[in-house]
Amino acid sequence: METKVLEIINEIRVVKGLTPVSVMNPAMTLRDDLNLTSFDLAELTVKLEDEFDIDIFEDGLVSTLGEVFNKLTRI
């Protein structure tokens, strides 16, 4: 699961011209550490929903990778 999340995040980052991330830490923030904008977060939501059949923002804001992982492990 974490490998797929990293792959999806890197797809978004590469399109933006950012360097892919090689290691993820659950404490990393989506906005500050991974430089994802609101548009990027919307794209991330769609891609994660397609892959894992879950809306990570359904129950409120998610701001760190750890929170994303927690949502995905509850499915």
Protein backbone atom coordinates (compact mmCIF):
# COMPACT_ATOMS: atom_id res chain seq x y z
CA MET A 1 0.00 0.00 0.00
CA GLU A 2 2.73 2.49 0.95
CA THR A 3 4.60 1.74 -2.28
CA LYS A 4 1.48 2.52 -4.33
CA VAL A 5 0.90 5.78 -2.41
CA LEU A 6 4.52 6.77 -3.09
CA GLU A 7 4.04 5.96 -6.77
CA ILE A 8 0.89 8.11 -6.98
CA ILE A 9 2.49 11.03 -5.14
CA ASN A 10 5.54 10.87 -7.39
CA GLU A 11 3.34 10.86 -10.51
CA ILE A 12 1.82 14.13 -9.31
CA ARG A 13 5.21 15.61 -8.32
CA VAL A 14 6.89 14.72 -11.64
CA VAL A 15 4.12 16.42 -13.65
CA LYS A 16 4.78 19.55 -11.57
CA GLY A 17 8.51 19.33 -12.36
CA LEU A 18 9.44 18.29 -8.82
CA THR A 19 11.93 15.59 -7.93
CA PRO A 20 10.35 12.26 -7.02
CA VAL A 21 10.43 11.32 -3.35
CA SER A 22 12.41 8.16 -2.61
CA VAL A 23 11.53 7.72 1.07
CA MET A 24 8.32 8.61 2.83
CA ASN A 25 7.94 9.36 6.51
CA PRO A 26 4.45 9.24 8.09
CA ALA A 27 5.11 12.66 9.66
CA MET A 28 5.60 14.29 6.22
CA THR A 29 2.93 16.86 5.43
CA LEU A 30 1.20 16.77 2.08
CA ARG A 31 1.42 20.52 1.56
CA ASP A 32 4.69 21.61 3.16
CA ASP A 33 6.95 18.57 2.84
CA LEU A 34 5.58 17.18 -0.44
CA ASN A 35 4.66 20.57 -1.95
CA LEU A 36 1.16 19.51 -3.00
CA THR A 37 -1.35 22.25 -3.79
CA SER A 38 -5.12 22.05 -3.35
CA PHE A 39 -5.39 20.93 -6.97
CA ASP A 40 -2.75 18.24 -6.35
CA LEU A 41 -4.64 17.04 -3.26
CA ALA A 42 -7.81 16.74 -5.33
CA GLU A 43 -5.88 14.67 -7.88
CA LEU A 44 -4.38 12.57 -5.08
CA THR A 45 -7.87 11.93 -3.70
CA VAL A 46 -9.17 10.76 -7.07
CA LYS A 47 -6.19 8.50 -7.71
CA LEU A 48 -6.35 6.96 -4.22
CA GLU A 49 -10.09 6.46 -4.56
CA ASP A 50 -9.57 4.72 -7.91
CA GLU A 51 -6.83 2.51 -6.48
CA PHE A 52 -8.20 1.76 -3.00
CA ASP A 53 -11.91 2.62 -3.32
CA ILE A 54 -11.83 5.12 -0.44
CA ASP A 55 -12.15 8.91 -0.20
CA ILE A 56 -9.39 9.89 2.21
CA PHE A 57 -11.01 13.29 2.84
CA GLU A 58 -14.51 11.92 3.47
CA ASP A 59 -14.25 12.31 7.26
CA GLY A 60 -12.34 15.58 7.24
CA LEU A 61 -8.95 16.97 6.34
CA VAL A 62 -5.90 14.78 6.02
CA SER A 63 -2.59 16.62 6.25
CA THR A 64 0.14 14.00 6.75
CA LEU A 65 1.17 10.77 5.09
CA GLY A 66 0.52 8.98 8.36
CA GLU A 67 -3.10 10.10 8.26
CA VAL A 68 -3.39 8.87 4.66
CA PHE A 69 -1.93 5.49 5.67
CA ASN A 70 -4.31 5.26 8.64
CA LYS A 71 -7.32 5.85 6.39
CA LEU A 72 -6.11 3.27 3.89
CA THR A 73 -5.45 0.60 6.51
CA ARG A 74 -9.02 0.89 7.79
CA ILE A 75 -10.46 -0.41 4.53
